Amino acid sequence: MSRLLLVVACALVDPDNRILIAQRPEGKSLAGLWEFPGGKVDAGESPEAALIRELREELGVETKEACLAPLTFASHAYDDFHLLMPLYICRRWQGVPQSREGQALKWVRAKALRDYPMPPADLPLIAPLIDLL
């Protein structure tokens, strides 16, 4: 079995029930594909703490663990590792999301998520979001 990589993702949901997605910048793996904000969980870090840190680093927004609600998860085998990715819903945060890492940002309806090319691990996350929103 290849190594297991734990990555957290967040569906930031605005008052209009739109979800924020980010486009992976040039030079990163899977560049040009759209994804939910988030990132790797560091050693000794909880998934929620990692997500709060990543939202601050990537988007400049602050949230609290109480504002993160787990919705679903993705489990996907890549060639050299296996990805486990819990997806949290967040409707309450402080600040306006801004691109801090050169990524394009877009607010989209859940039903429109399939119109954006995403990494294979993100695709199973779309149906639960459509059901929720």
N, C-alpha and C. Protein backbone atom coordinates (compact mmCIF):
# COMPACT_ATOMS: atom_id res chain seq x y z
N MET A 1 0.86 -1.19 0.00
CA MET A 1 0.00 0.00 0.00
C MET A 1 0.89 1.23 0.00
N SER A 2 0.53 2.20 -0.81
CA SER A 2 1.29 3.44 -0.85
C SER A 2 0.99 4.27 0.38
N ARG A 3 1.78 5.30 0.58
CA ARG A 3 1.60 6.11 1.79
C ARG A 3 0.26 6.84 1.75
N LEU A 4 -0.26 7.11 2.94
CA LEU A 4 -1.54 7.80 3.08
C LEU A 4 -1.28 9.28 3.32
N LEU A 5 -1.90 10.11 2.53
CA LEU A 5 -1.75 11.56 2.69
C LEU A 5 -3.09 12.13 3.13
N LEU A 6 -3.07 12.84 4.27
CA LEU A 6 -4.29 13.45 4.80
C LEU A 6 -4.30 14.93 4.39
N VAL A 7 -5.32 15.31 3.65
CA VAL A 7 -5.49 16.68 3.18
C VAL A 7 -6.90 17.11 3.56
N VAL A 8 -7.06 18.34 4.03
CA VAL A 8 -8.40 18.83 4.37
C VAL A 8 -8.86 19.84 3.33
N ALA A 9 -10.17 19.88 3.10
CA ALA A 9 -10.75 20.83 2.15
C ALA A 9 -11.96 21.49 2.79
N CYS A 10 -12.27 22.69 2.28
CA CYS A 10 -13.37 23.45 2.85
C CYS A 10 -14.25 24.01 1.75
N ALA A 11 -15.55 23.85 1.92
CA ALA A 11 -16.50 24.53 1.05
C ALA A 11 -16.97 25.76 1.82
N LEU A 12 -16.39 26.92 1.49
CA LEU A 12 -16.88 28.18 2.06
C LEU A 12 -18.17 28.49 1.34
N VAL A 13 -19.25 28.67 2.09
CA VAL A 13 -20.57 28.90 1.51
C VAL A 13 -21.03 30.31 1.89
N ASP A 14 -21.31 31.14 0.87
CA ASP A 14 -21.72 32.53 1.14
C ASP A 14 -23.24 32.59 1.38
N PRO A 15 -23.76 33.78 1.77
CA PRO A 15 -25.20 33.88 2.06
C PRO A 15 -26.10 33.52 0.89
N ASP A 16 -25.57 33.57 -0.35
CA ASP A 16 -26.35 33.16 -1.52
C ASP A 16 -26.21 31.68 -1.84
N ASN A 17 -25.59 30.91 -0.90
CA ASN A 17 -25.36 29.47 -1.10
C ASN A 17 -24.43 29.17 -2.26
N ARG A 18 -23.50 30.10 -2.53
CA ARG A 18 -22.46 29.82 -3.52
C ARG A 18 -21.22 29.33 -2.79
N ILE A 19 -20.42 28.54 -3.48
CA ILE A 19 -19.23 27.90 -2.90
C ILE A 19 -17.99 28.51 -3.56
N LEU A 20 -16.98 28.77 -2.75
CA LEU A 20 -15.73 29.32 -3.28
C LEU A 20 -14.83 28.18 -3.77
N ILE A 21 -14.38 28.30 -5.02
CA ILE A 21 -13.37 27.37 -5.53
C ILE A 21 -12.16 28.18 -6.01
N ALA A 22 -11.02 27.51 -6.01
CA ALA A 22 -9.76 28.16 -6.38
C ALA A 22 -9.10 27.36 -7.50
N GLN A 23 -8.45 28.07 -8.41
CA GLN A 23 -7.77 27.42 -9.53
C GLN A 23 -6.30 27.26 -9.17
N ARG A 24 -5.79 26.04 -9.33
CA ARG A 24 -4.38 25.78 -9.00
C ARG A 24 -3.49 26.57 -9.95
N PRO A 25 -2.54 27.35 -9.38
CA PRO A 25 -1.70 28.21 -10.23
C PRO A 25 -0.68 27.43 -11.04
N GLU A 26 -0.16 28.07 -12.07
CA GLU A 26 0.89 27.46 -12.88
C GLU A 26 2.06 27.07 -11.98
N GLY A 27 2.71 25.95 -12.34
CA GLY A 27 3.87 25.53 -11.58
C GLY A 27 3.54 24.53 -10.48
N LYS A 28 2.27 24.44 -10.09
CA LYS A 28 1.86 23.42 -9.12
C LYS A 28 1.40 22.19 -9.88
N SER A 29 1.42 21.03 -9.20
CA SER A 29 0.85 19.85 -9.84
C SER A 29 -0.64 20.09 -10.05
N LEU A 30 -1.18 19.52 -11.11
CA LEU A 30 -2.60 19.70 -11.46
C LEU A 30 -2.94 21.18 -11.71
N ALA A 31 -1.98 21.94 -12.20
CA ALA A 31 -2.19 23.36 -12.48
C ALA A 31 -3.36 23.56 -13.42
N GLY A 32 -4.15 24.60 -13.16
CA GLY A 32 -5.29 24.92 -14.02
C GLY A 32 -6.58 24.27 -13.57
N LEU A 33 -6.50 23.24 -12.72
CA LEU A 33 -7.71 22.59 -12.23
C LEU A 33 -8.27 23.38 -11.05
N TRP A 34 -9.57 23.28 -10.85
CA TRP A 34 -10.25 23.98 -9.77
C TRP A 34 -10.40 23.05 -8.58
N GLU A 35 -10.34 23.60 -7.37
CA GLU A 35 -10.42 22.79 -6.16
C GLU A 35 -11.01 23.61 -5.03
N PHE A 36 -11.33 22.92 -3.95
CA PHE A 36 -11.78 23.59 -2.74
C PHE A 36 -10.55 24.02 -1.95
N PRO A 37 -10.61 25.18 -1.30
CA PRO A 37 -9.46 25.61 -0.49
C PRO A 37 -9.15 24.59 0.59
N GLY A 38 -7.88 24.52 0.96
CA GLY A 38 -7.44 23.59 1.99
C GLY A 38 -6.00 23.20 1.77
N GLY A 39 -5.60 22.10 2.37
CA GLY A 39 -4.22 21.66 2.19
C GLY A 39 -3.85 20.54 3.13
N LYS A 40 -2.54 20.24 3.16
CA LYS A 40 -2.04 19.12 3.94
C LYS A 40 -2.17 19.38 5.44
N VAL A 41 -2.43 18.30 6.16
CA VAL A 41 -2.45 18.34 7.62
C VAL A 41 -1.03 18.03 8.09
N ASP A 42 -0.44 18.97 8.84
CA ASP A 42 0.93 18.77 9.34
C ASP A 42 0.93 17.80 10.52
N ALA A 43 2.10 17.23 10.80
CA ALA A 43 2.24 16.31 11.93
C ALA A 43 1.83 17.01 13.22
N GLY A 44 1.03 16.33 14.02
CA GLY A 44 0.60 16.88 15.28
C GLY A 44 -0.53 17.90 15.18
N GLU A 45 -1.05 18.09 13.98
CA GLU A 45 -2.10 19.08 13.75
C GLU A 45 -3.44 18.37 13.55
N SER A 46 -4.52 18.91 14.09
CA SER A 46 -5.84 18.33 13.83
C SER A 46 -6.30 18.80 12.44
N PRO A 47 -7.22 18.05 11.82
CA PRO A 47 -7.73 18.50 10.52
C PRO A 47 -8.34 19.90 10.60
N GLU A 48 -9.05 20.19 11.70
CA GLU A 48 -9.69 21.49 11.83
C GLU A 48 -8.65 22.61 11.95
N ALA A 49 -7.61 22.36 12.75
CA ALA A 49 -6.54 23.37 12.91
C ALA A 49 -5.84 23.60 11.57
N ALA A 50 -5.61 22.52 10.82
CA ALA A 50 -4.97 22.66 9.51
C ALA A 50 -5.83 23.51 8.58
N LEU A 51 -7.13 23.28 8.61
CA LEU A 51 -8.03 24.03 7.73
C LEU A 51 -8.06 25.51 8.10
N ILE A 52 -8.13 25.80 9.39
CA ILE A 52 -8.11 27.19 9.83
C ILE A 52 -6.82 27.87 9.37
N ARG A 53 -5.67 27.17 9.50
CA ARG A 53 -4.38 27.71 9.06
C ARG A 53 -4.36 27.92 7.54
N GLU A 54 -4.83 26.92 6.80
CA GLU A 54 -4.80 27.02 5.33
C GLU A 54 -5.71 28.15 4.83
N LEU A 55 -6.89 28.32 5.44
CA LEU A 55 -7.79 29.40 5.01
C LEU A 55 -7.14 30.76 5.26
N ARG A 56 -6.41 30.87 6.37
CA ARG A 56 -5.70 32.11 6.67
C ARG A 56 -4.59 32.34 5.64
N GLU A 57 -3.80 31.29 5.35
CA GLU A 57 -2.65 31.43 4.44
C GLU A 57 -3.10 31.65 3.00
N GLU A 58 -4.10 30.89 2.54
CA GLU A 58 -4.51 30.95 1.14
C GLU A 58 -5.41 32.12 0.82
N LEU A 59 -6.31 32.45 1.77
CA LEU A 59 -7.39 33.39 1.47
C LEU A 59 -7.43 34.61 2.39
N GLY A 60 -6.66 34.58 3.48
CA GLY A 60 -6.67 35.70 4.41
C GLY A 60 -7.95 35.83 5.21
N VAL A 61 -8.65 34.71 5.45
CA VAL A 61 -9.87 34.76 6.26
C VAL A 61 -9.65 33.98 7.56
N GLU A 62 -10.39 34.38 8.58
CA GLU A 62 -10.30 33.74 9.89
C GLU A 62 -11.62 33.03 10.19
N THR A 63 -11.51 31.82 10.71
CA THR A 63 -12.70 31.12 11.17
C THR A 63 -12.35 30.35 12.42
N LYS A 64 -13.35 29.74 13.05
CA LYS A 64 -13.15 28.97 14.28
C LYS A 64 -13.57 27.53 14.04
N GLU A 65 -13.05 26.65 14.89
CA GLU A 65 -13.38 25.23 14.76
C GLU A 65 -14.89 25.01 14.85
N ALA A 66 -15.59 25.79 15.69
CA ALA A 66 -17.04 25.63 15.85
C ALA A 66 -17.79 25.96 14.56
N CYS A 67 -17.15 26.69 13.64
CA CYS A 67 -17.80 27.08 12.37
C CYS A 67 -17.54 26.07 11.25
N LEU A 68 -16.79 25.03 11.55
CA LEU A 68 -16.47 24.00 10.55
C LEU A 68 -17.32 22.77 10.80
N ALA A 69 -18.14 22.39 9.82
CA ALA A 69 -19.00 21.22 9.95
C ALA A 69 -18.57 20.17 8.93
N PRO A 70 -18.14 18.98 9.38
CA PRO A 70 -17.75 17.94 8.43
C PRO A 70 -18.96 17.50 7.60
N LEU A 71 -18.76 17.38 6.28
CA LEU A 71 -19.86 16.98 5.39
C LEU A 71 -19.64 15.58 4.82
N THR A 72 -18.46 15.35 4.25
CA THR A 72 -18.19 14.09 3.57
C THR A 72 -16.68 13.96 3.44
N PHE A 73 -16.22 12.92 2.76
CA PHE A 73 -14.78 12.81 2.52
C PHE A 73 -14.55 12.11 1.20
N ALA A 74 -13.34 12.30 0.68
CA ALA A 74 -12.93 11.60 -0.54
C ALA A 74 -11.77 10.69 -0.20
N SER A 75 -11.74 9.53 -0.82
CA SER A 75 -10.63 8.59 -0.69
C SER A 75 -10.22 8.23 -2.11
N HIS A 76 -8.98 8.60 -2.50
CA HIS A 76 -8.57 8.45 -3.90
C HIS A 76 -7.14 7.94 -4.00
N ALA A 77 -6.94 6.93 -4.82
CA ALA A 77 -5.61 6.37 -5.04
C ALA A 77 -4.94 7.09 -6.22
N TYR A 78 -3.89 7.83 -5.93
CA TYR A 78 -3.02 8.37 -6.97
C TYR A 78 -1.90 7.36 -7.19
N ASP A 79 -1.03 7.60 -8.16
CA ASP A 79 0.02 6.63 -8.48
C ASP A 79 0.96 6.38 -7.30
N ASP A 80 1.37 7.44 -6.60
CA ASP A 80 2.41 7.28 -5.58
C ASP A 80 1.92 7.51 -4.16
N PHE A 81 0.64 7.78 -3.96
CA PHE A 81 0.11 7.92 -2.60
C PHE A 81 -1.41 7.75 -2.64
N HIS A 82 -1.98 7.55 -1.46
CA HIS A 82 -3.44 7.47 -1.34
C HIS A 82 -3.91 8.69 -0.57
N LEU A 83 -4.85 9.41 -1.15
CA LEU A 83 -5.34 10.65 -0.57
C LEU A 83 -6.62 10.42 0.23
N LEU A 84 -6.63 10.90 1.46
CA LEU A 84 -7.85 10.91 2.26
C LEU A 84 -8.15 12.38 2.54
N MET A 85 -9.33 12.83 2.12
CA MET A 85 -9.64 14.26 2.18
C MET A 85 -11.03 14.51 2.76
N PRO A 86 -11.10 14.86 4.05
CA PRO A 86 -12.38 15.29 4.61
C PRO A 86 -12.76 16.67 4.06
N LEU A 87 -14.05 16.84 3.80
CA LEU A 87 -14.56 18.14 3.34
C LEU A 87 -15.45 18.73 4.43
N TYR A 88 -15.12 19.95 4.81
CA TYR A 88 -15.90 20.68 5.81
C TYR A 88 -16.69 21.79 5.13
N ILE A 89 -17.85 22.10 5.71
CA ILE A 89 -18.64 23.25 5.28
C ILE A 89 -18.35 24.38 6.26
N CYS A 90 -18.19 25.58 5.73
CA CYS A 90 -18.00 26.74 6.60
C CYS A 90 -18.87 27.89 6.06
N ARG A 91 -19.78 28.37 6.90
CA ARG A 91 -20.65 29.48 6.51
C ARG A 91 -20.31 30.77 7.25
N ARG A 92 -19.43 30.69 8.24
CA ARG A 92 -19.10 31.87 9.04
C ARG A 92 -17.60 32.04 9.10
N TRP A 93 -17.14 33.19 8.65
CA TRP A 93 -15.72 33.54 8.72
C TRP A 93 -15.62 35.06 8.75
N GLN A 94 -14.43 35.55 9.08
CA GLN A 94 -14.17 36.97 9.09
C GLN A 94 -13.20 37.30 7.98
N GLY A 95 -13.45 38.45 7.32
CA GLY A 95 -12.59 38.85 6.21
C GLY A 95 -13.22 38.49 4.88
N VAL A 96 -12.67 39.07 3.83
CA VAL A 96 -13.12 38.77 2.47
C VAL A 96 -12.07 37.88 1.83
N PRO A 97 -12.47 36.70 1.33
CA PRO A 97 -11.47 35.81 0.72
C PRO A 97 -10.73 36.50 -0.43
N GLN A 98 -9.41 36.46 -0.37
CA GLN A 98 -8.57 37.05 -1.40
C GLN A 98 -7.49 36.06 -1.79
N SER A 99 -7.09 36.13 -3.05
CA SER A 99 -6.04 35.24 -3.54
C SER A 99 -4.69 35.67 -2.96
N ARG A 100 -4.11 34.80 -2.14
CA ARG A 100 -2.81 35.10 -1.53
C ARG A 100 -1.69 34.31 -2.18
N GLU A 101 -2.04 33.36 -3.04
CA GLU A 101 -1.01 32.49 -3.63
C GLU A 101 -1.12 32.47 -5.15
N GLY A 102 -1.65 33.54 -5.72
CA GLY A 102 -1.72 33.64 -7.18
C GLY A 102 -2.81 32.82 -7.82
N GLN A 103 -3.70 32.25 -7.01
CA GLN A 103 -4.76 31.40 -7.55
C GLN A 103 -5.98 32.24 -7.92
N ALA A 104 -6.65 31.86 -9.01
CA ALA A 104 -7.92 32.50 -9.36
C ALA A 104 -8.99 31.98 -8.41
N LEU A 105 -9.93 32.85 -8.03
CA LEU A 105 -11.03 32.45 -7.14
C LEU A 105 -12.35 32.70 -7.84
N LYS A 106 -13.34 31.86 -7.54
CA LYS A 106 -14.65 32.02 -8.14
C LYS A 106 -15.72 31.49 -7.20
N TRP A 107 -16.83 32.24 -7.06
CA TRP A 107 -17.99 31.77 -6.30
C TRP A 107 -18.95 31.11 -7.28
N VAL A 108 -19.29 29.86 -7.04
CA VAL A 108 -20.16 29.13 -7.97
C VAL A 108 -21.26 28.38 -7.21
N ARG A 109 -22.37 28.15 -7.89
CA ARG A 109 -23.46 27.33 -7.33
C ARG A 109 -23.03 25.87 -7.32
N ALA A 110 -23.55 25.11 -6.37
CA ALA A 110 -23.19 23.69 -6.26
C ALA A 110 -23.45 22.96 -7.57
N LYS A 111 -24.60 23.24 -8.19
CA LYS A 111 -24.93 22.53 -9.44
C LYS A 111 -23.98 22.88 -10.58
N ALA A 112 -23.28 24.02 -10.48
CA ALA A 112 -22.35 24.43 -11.54
C ALA A 112 -20.93 23.89 -11.32
N LEU A 113 -20.68 23.22 -10.19
CA LEU A 113 -19.32 22.75 -9.91
C LEU A 113 -18.80 21.80 -10.98
N ARG A 114 -19.71 21.02 -11.57
CA ARG A 114 -19.27 20.05 -12.59
C ARG A 114 -18.80 20.74 -13.88
N ASP A 115 -19.08 22.05 -14.02
CA ASP A 115 -18.62 22.79 -15.21
C ASP A 115 -17.14 23.15 -15.12
N TYR A 116 -16.52 22.91 -13.97
CA TYR A 116 -15.12 23.29 -13.77
C TYR A 116 -14.27 22.04 -13.64
N PRO A 117 -13.19 21.94 -14.43
CA PRO A 117 -12.34 20.75 -14.32
C PRO A 117 -11.67 20.70 -12.94
N MET A 118 -11.80 19.57 -12.27
CA MET A 118 -11.26 19.39 -10.92
C MET A 118 -10.37 18.16 -10.87
N PRO A 119 -9.46 18.11 -9.86
CA PRO A 119 -8.69 16.88 -9.66
C PRO A 119 -9.64 15.72 -9.37
N PRO A 120 -9.24 14.50 -9.74
CA PRO A 120 -10.15 13.36 -9.56
C PRO A 120 -10.62 13.18 -8.11
N ALA A 121 -9.79 13.53 -7.14
CA ALA A 121 -10.17 13.34 -5.74
C ALA A 121 -11.30 14.28 -5.33
N ASP A 122 -11.42 15.44 -6.00
CA ASP A 122 -12.45 16.41 -5.62
C ASP A 122 -13.83 16.05 -6.18
N LEU A 123 -13.87 15.29 -7.26
CA LEU A 123 -15.14 15.03 -7.95
C LEU A 123 -16.21 14.38 -7.07
N PRO A 124 -15.86 13.38 -6.22
CA PRO A 124 -16.90 12.77 -5.38
C PRO A 124 -17.49 13.72 -4.34
N LEU A 125 -16.84 14.85 -4.11
CA LEU A 125 -17.33 15.80 -3.11
C LEU A 125 -18.49 16.64 -3.64
N ILE A 126 -18.68 16.65 -4.95
CA ILE A 126 -19.67 17.56 -5.55
C ILE A 126 -21.10 17.12 -5.22
N ALA A 127 -21.41 15.83 -5.37
CA ALA A 127 -22.79 15.36 -5.17
C ALA A 127 -23.32 15.69 -3.76
N PRO A 128 -22.55 15.46 -2.68
CA PRO A 128 -23.07 15.83 -1.36
C PRO A 128 -23.32 17.33 -1.22
N LEU A 129 -22.50 18.15 -1.90
CA LEU A 129 -22.71 19.59 -1.86
C LEU A 129 -24.00 19.98 -2.57
N ILE A 130 -24.27 19.33 -3.71
CA ILE A 130 -25.51 19.61 -4.44
C ILE A 130 -26.71 19.20 -3.58
N ASP A 131 -26.59 18.04 -2.91
CA ASP A 131 -27.70 17.60 -2.04
C ASP A 131 -27.92 18.57 -0.90
N LEU A 132 -26.85 19.14 -0.36
CA LEU A 132 -26.96 20.03 0.78
C LEU A 132 -27.52 21.41 0.39
N LEU A 133 -27.06 21.90 -0.75
CA LEU A 133 -27.38 23.28 -1.14
C LEU A 133 -28.44 23.33 -2.24
